[in-house]
Amino acid sequence: MSASDELAKLGPLSKVNPEMMKAFGAFDAVVMGDGALDKKTKELIAVAVALTTQCEYCLIIHTEAARNAGATDAELAEATYVAAALRAGAAVVHSANHVVNGDG
């Protein structure tokens, strides 16, 4: 499935409140455009975030966009492991704060 197939699914939502969808689209376009970070870097960040939120649609859309922006398999793999490290780190920190209290 392609990013455009996924984005087409937004049609019914857009029809319910086109003004909000237009505003969201404008916001997304500004955020994901070149700025202090280039498009490829932003898309790699988006892939890592999508992996941590496990959003299938975001993964399809942002992986395709990252590749279109020049991301390689090696860069996408590294973004994957960054996401995995963050998820694992969160589990360790939550354990330190909520599970293991150090008293035996």
N, C-alpha and C. Protein backbone atom coordinates (compact mmCIF):
# COMPACT_ATOMS: atom_id res chain seq x y z
N MET A 1 0.85 -1.18 0.00
CA MET A 1 0.00 0.00 0.00
C MET A 1 0.89 1.24 0.00
N SER A 2 0.50 2.25 -0.74
CA SER A 2 1.31 3.46 -0.84
C SER A 2 0.79 4.55 0.08
N ALA A 3 1.60 5.57 0.26
CA ALA A 3 1.20 6.71 1.09
C ALA A 3 -0.04 7.36 0.52
N SER A 4 -0.16 7.48 -0.79
CA SER A 4 -1.35 8.11 -1.36
C SER A 4 -2.59 7.27 -1.12
N ASP A 5 -2.45 5.94 -1.08
CA ASP A 5 -3.59 5.09 -0.74
C ASP A 5 -4.05 5.37 0.70
N GLU A 6 -3.08 5.51 1.58
CA GLU A 6 -3.40 5.78 2.99
C GLU A 6 -4.04 7.16 3.15
N LEU A 7 -3.46 8.15 2.48
CA LEU A 7 -4.00 9.51 2.59
C LEU A 7 -5.41 9.61 2.01
N ALA A 8 -5.71 8.80 1.01
CA ALA A 8 -7.05 8.82 0.41
C ALA A 8 -8.12 8.41 1.42
N LYS A 9 -7.72 7.63 2.42
CA LYS A 9 -8.66 7.19 3.45
C LYS A 9 -9.14 8.35 4.33
N LEU A 10 -8.46 9.48 4.23
CA LEU A 10 -8.85 10.65 5.03
C LEU A 10 -10.03 11.39 4.43
N GLY A 11 -10.46 11.01 3.24
CA GLY A 11 -11.56 11.68 2.56
C GLY A 11 -12.81 11.85 3.40
N PRO A 12 -13.34 10.78 4.00
CA PRO A 12 -14.55 10.94 4.81
C PRO A 12 -14.36 11.88 5.99
N LEU A 13 -13.21 11.81 6.64
CA LEU A 13 -12.94 12.71 7.76
C LEU A 13 -12.88 14.16 7.29
N SER A 14 -12.27 14.35 6.14
CA SER A 14 -12.16 15.69 5.58
C SER A 14 -13.52 16.27 5.25
N LYS A 15 -14.44 15.43 4.80
CA LYS A 15 -15.79 15.90 4.44
C LYS A 15 -16.58 16.34 5.67
N VAL A 16 -16.33 15.73 6.81
CA VAL A 16 -17.06 16.08 8.03
C VAL A 16 -16.69 17.48 8.49
N ASN A 17 -15.40 17.81 8.45
CA ASN A 17 -14.97 19.14 8.85
C ASN A 17 -13.79 19.57 7.98
N PRO A 18 -14.09 20.06 6.77
CA PRO A 18 -13.02 20.41 5.84
C PRO A 18 -12.10 21.52 6.34
N GLU A 19 -12.61 22.44 7.13
CA GLU A 19 -11.76 23.53 7.63
C GLU A 19 -10.67 22.99 8.56
N MET A 20 -11.05 22.09 9.44
CA MET A 20 -10.06 21.52 10.35
C MET A 20 -9.04 20.69 9.60
N MET A 21 -9.48 19.91 8.61
CA MET A 21 -8.55 19.09 7.83
C MET A 21 -7.61 19.99 7.04
N LYS A 22 -8.13 21.07 6.49
CA LYS A 22 -7.28 22.00 5.75
C LYS A 22 -6.23 22.62 6.69
N ALA A 23 -6.65 22.99 7.89
CA ALA A 23 -5.72 23.57 8.86
C ALA A 23 -4.67 22.55 9.27
N PHE A 24 -5.09 21.30 9.50
CA PHE A 24 -4.13 20.26 9.86
C PHE A 24 -3.14 20.03 8.73
N GLY A 25 -3.64 19.98 7.50
CA GLY A 25 -2.77 19.79 6.34
C GLY A 25 -1.75 20.91 6.20
N ALA A 26 -2.19 22.14 6.43
CA ALA A 26 -1.27 23.28 6.35
C ALA A 26 -0.21 23.21 7.44
N PHE A 27 -0.64 22.86 8.66
CA PHE A 27 0.30 22.71 9.77
C PHE A 27 1.32 21.63 9.46
N ASP A 28 0.85 20.47 9.00
CA ASP A 28 1.73 19.35 8.68
C ASP A 28 2.73 19.73 7.59
N ALA A 29 2.27 20.45 6.58
CA ALA A 29 3.15 20.85 5.48
C ALA A 29 4.26 21.77 5.96
N VAL A 30 3.93 22.70 6.85
CA VAL A 30 4.95 23.61 7.38
C VAL A 30 5.93 22.85 8.25
N VAL A 31 5.41 22.01 9.13
CA VAL A 31 6.27 21.26 10.05
C VAL A 31 7.22 20.34 9.29
N MET A 32 6.71 19.65 8.27
CA MET A 32 7.52 18.64 7.58
C MET A 32 8.37 19.22 6.45
N GLY A 33 8.22 20.51 6.15
CA GLY A 33 9.05 21.14 5.13
C GLY A 33 10.44 21.44 5.66
N ASP A 34 11.31 21.84 4.76
CA ASP A 34 12.68 22.20 5.16
C ASP A 34 12.66 23.36 6.14
N GLY A 35 13.49 23.28 7.12
CA GLY A 35 13.66 24.34 8.12
C GLY A 35 15.05 24.17 8.70
N ALA A 36 15.16 24.25 10.01
CA ALA A 36 16.45 23.99 10.66
C ALA A 36 16.88 22.55 10.39
N LEU A 37 15.90 21.66 10.24
CA LEU A 37 16.16 20.27 9.85
C LEU A 37 15.69 20.09 8.42
N ASP A 38 16.45 19.33 7.64
CA ASP A 38 16.01 19.08 6.27
C ASP A 38 14.90 18.03 6.24
N LYS A 39 14.26 17.91 5.10
CA LYS A 39 13.11 17.01 4.92
C LYS A 39 13.46 15.57 5.27
N LYS A 40 14.61 15.09 4.81
CA LYS A 40 14.99 13.71 5.08
C LYS A 40 15.12 13.46 6.57
N THR A 41 15.77 14.36 7.29
CA THR A 41 15.93 14.20 8.73
C THR A 41 14.57 14.18 9.42
N LYS A 42 13.69 15.09 9.03
CA LYS A 42 12.36 15.13 9.64
C LYS A 42 11.60 13.84 9.37
N GLU A 43 11.72 13.31 8.17
CA GLU A 43 11.01 12.06 7.84
C GLU A 43 11.60 10.88 8.61
N LEU A 44 12.91 10.86 8.81
CA LEU A 44 13.51 9.80 9.62
C LEU A 44 13.03 9.89 11.07
N ILE A 45 12.91 11.11 11.59
CA ILE A 45 12.35 11.29 12.93
C ILE A 45 10.91 10.79 12.95
N ALA A 46 10.15 11.13 11.92
CA ALA A 46 8.75 10.70 11.85
C ALA A 46 8.65 9.18 11.82
N VAL A 47 9.54 8.51 11.11
CA VAL A 47 9.53 7.04 11.08
C VAL A 47 9.81 6.50 12.48
N ALA A 48 10.80 7.06 13.17
CA ALA A 48 11.12 6.59 14.52
C ALA A 48 9.94 6.81 15.47
N VAL A 49 9.31 7.97 15.38
CA VAL A 49 8.15 8.25 16.24
C VAL A 49 7.02 7.28 15.89
N ALA A 50 6.77 7.06 14.60
CA ALA A 50 5.71 6.14 14.18
C ALA A 50 5.96 4.73 14.68
N LEU A 51 7.22 4.33 14.73
CA LEU A 51 7.55 3.02 15.28
C LEU A 51 7.24 2.96 16.78
N THR A 52 7.50 4.04 17.49
CA THR A 52 7.22 4.02 18.92
C THR A 52 5.73 4.10 19.21
N THR A 53 4.97 4.81 18.37
CA THR A 53 3.52 4.88 18.56
C THR A 53 2.81 3.72 17.87
N GLN A 54 3.55 3.00 17.04
CA GLN A 54 3.06 1.85 16.29
C GLN A 54 1.87 2.21 15.40
N CYS A 55 1.99 3.37 14.75
CA CYS A 55 0.97 3.82 13.82
C CYS A 55 1.30 3.31 12.42
N GLU A 56 0.54 2.30 11.98
CA GLU A 56 0.79 1.67 10.69
C GLU A 56 0.71 2.68 9.54
N TYR A 57 -0.29 3.56 9.61
CA TYR A 57 -0.49 4.53 8.55
C TYR A 57 0.69 5.51 8.49
N CYS A 58 1.12 5.98 9.64
CA CYS A 58 2.27 6.88 9.69
C CYS A 58 3.52 6.20 9.16
N LEU A 59 3.69 4.92 9.49
CA LEU A 59 4.87 4.19 9.00
C LEU A 59 4.88 4.13 7.48
N ILE A 60 3.73 3.83 6.89
CA ILE A 60 3.65 3.76 5.43
C ILE A 60 3.94 5.12 4.82
N ILE A 61 3.27 6.14 5.31
CA ILE A 61 3.39 7.48 4.76
C ILE A 61 4.81 8.03 4.93
N HIS A 62 5.36 7.93 6.14
CA HIS A 62 6.66 8.56 6.41
C HIS A 62 7.84 7.74 5.90
N THR A 63 7.68 6.41 5.82
CA THR A 63 8.76 5.62 5.22
C THR A 63 8.88 5.96 3.74
N GLU A 64 7.75 6.05 3.07
CA GLU A 64 7.77 6.42 1.64
C GLU A 64 8.34 7.83 1.47
N ALA A 65 7.91 8.75 2.32
CA ALA A 65 8.41 10.13 2.22
C ALA A 65 9.90 10.20 2.52
N ALA A 66 10.36 9.41 3.49
CA ALA A 66 11.80 9.38 3.81
C ALA A 66 12.60 8.87 2.62
N ARG A 67 12.11 7.79 2.02
CA ARG A 67 12.80 7.25 0.84
C ARG A 67 12.80 8.28 -0.30
N ASN A 68 11.67 8.95 -0.50
CA ASN A 68 11.60 9.98 -1.54
C ASN A 68 12.54 11.15 -1.26
N ALA A 69 12.82 11.37 0.01
CA ALA A 69 13.74 12.45 0.39
C ALA A 69 15.19 11.98 0.38
N GLY A 70 15.43 10.72 0.01
CA GLY A 70 16.79 10.21 -0.13
C GLY A 70 17.27 9.31 0.98
N ALA A 71 16.40 8.93 1.92
CA ALA A 71 16.83 8.06 3.01
C ALA A 71 17.17 6.67 2.48
N THR A 72 18.23 6.12 3.00
CA THR A 72 18.69 4.79 2.61
C THR A 72 18.16 3.74 3.59
N ASP A 73 18.31 2.48 3.20
CA ASP A 73 17.93 1.41 4.12
C ASP A 73 18.74 1.51 5.41
N ALA A 74 20.02 1.85 5.30
CA ALA A 74 20.87 1.96 6.50
C ALA A 74 20.35 3.06 7.43
N GLU A 75 19.93 4.19 6.86
CA GLU A 75 19.40 5.29 7.69
C GLU A 75 18.07 4.90 8.33
N LEU A 76 17.22 4.24 7.57
CA LEU A 76 15.93 3.80 8.12
C LEU A 76 16.14 2.74 9.20
N ALA A 77 17.10 1.85 9.00
CA ALA A 77 17.40 0.84 10.01
C ALA A 77 17.91 1.51 11.29
N GLU A 78 18.77 2.50 11.14
CA GLU A 78 19.29 3.20 12.31
C GLU A 78 18.18 3.94 13.05
N ALA A 79 17.28 4.56 12.31
CA ALA A 79 16.13 5.22 12.93
C ALA A 79 15.29 4.19 13.69
N THR A 80 15.17 2.98 13.13
CA THR A 80 14.44 1.90 13.80
C THR A 80 15.07 1.57 15.15
N TYR A 81 16.39 1.47 15.17
CA TYR A 81 17.06 1.12 16.42
C TYR A 81 17.06 2.27 17.42
N VAL A 82 17.04 3.49 16.94
CA VAL A 82 16.87 4.63 17.85
C VAL A 82 15.50 4.52 18.53
N ALA A 83 14.46 4.23 17.74
CA ALA A 83 13.12 4.06 18.31
C ALA A 83 13.11 2.92 19.32
N ALA A 84 13.75 1.81 18.98
CA ALA A 84 13.79 0.65 19.89
C ALA A 84 14.51 1.00 21.19
N ALA A 85 15.59 1.76 21.09
CA ALA A 85 16.33 2.15 22.29
C ALA A 85 15.48 3.04 23.19
N LEU A 86 14.70 3.94 22.59
CA LEU A 86 13.83 4.81 23.39
C LEU A 86 12.74 4.01 24.08
N ARG A 87 12.16 3.05 23.36
CA ARG A 87 11.12 2.20 23.98
C ARG A 87 11.72 1.38 25.11
N ALA A 88 12.88 0.81 24.88
CA ALA A 88 13.53 0.01 25.92
C ALA A 88 13.92 0.89 27.10
N GLY A 89 14.45 2.06 26.82
CA GLY A 89 14.83 2.98 27.89
C GLY A 89 13.64 3.37 28.74
N ALA A 90 12.50 3.59 28.12
CA ALA A 90 11.29 3.93 28.88
C ALA A 90 10.90 2.80 29.81
N ALA A 91 11.03 1.55 29.37
CA ALA A 91 10.70 0.41 30.22
C ALA A 91 11.62 0.36 31.43
N VAL A 92 12.91 0.61 31.20
CA VAL A 92 13.87 0.59 32.30
C VAL A 92 13.57 1.70 33.30
N VAL A 93 13.33 2.89 32.82
CA VAL A 93 13.04 4.02 33.71
C VAL A 93 11.75 3.79 34.48
N HIS A 94 10.72 3.28 33.81
CA HIS A 94 9.46 3.00 34.52
C HIS A 94 9.67 1.95 35.60
N SER A 95 10.52 0.97 35.31
CA SER A 95 10.82 -0.03 36.32
C SER A 95 11.48 0.62 37.53
N ALA A 96 12.45 1.48 37.28
CA ALA A 96 13.15 2.15 38.38
C ALA A 96 12.21 3.01 39.19
N ASN A 97 11.21 3.57 38.55
CA ASN A 97 10.29 4.47 39.25
C ASN A 97 9.09 3.75 39.86
N HIS A 98 8.69 2.61 39.29
CA HIS A 98 7.42 2.02 39.69
C HIS A 98 7.46 0.54 40.06
N VAL A 99 8.52 -0.18 39.71
CA VAL A 99 8.51 -1.63 39.92
C VAL A 99 9.54 -2.04 40.96
N VAL A 100 10.78 -1.73 40.72
CA VAL A 100 11.86 -2.13 41.63
C VAL A 100 12.12 -0.97 42.58
N ASN A 101 11.94 -1.24 43.87
CA ASN A 101 12.12 -0.14 44.82
C ASN A 101 13.43 -0.25 45.61
N GLY A 102 14.25 -1.26 45.32
CA GLY A 102 15.57 -1.36 45.92
C GLY A 102 15.61 -1.86 47.34
N ASP A 103 14.50 -2.37 47.87
CA ASP A 103 14.55 -2.82 49.27
C ASP A 103 14.53 -4.34 49.40
N GLY A 104 14.95 -4.99 48.35
CA GLY A 104 15.12 -6.41 48.54
C GLY A 104 14.55 -7.27 47.53
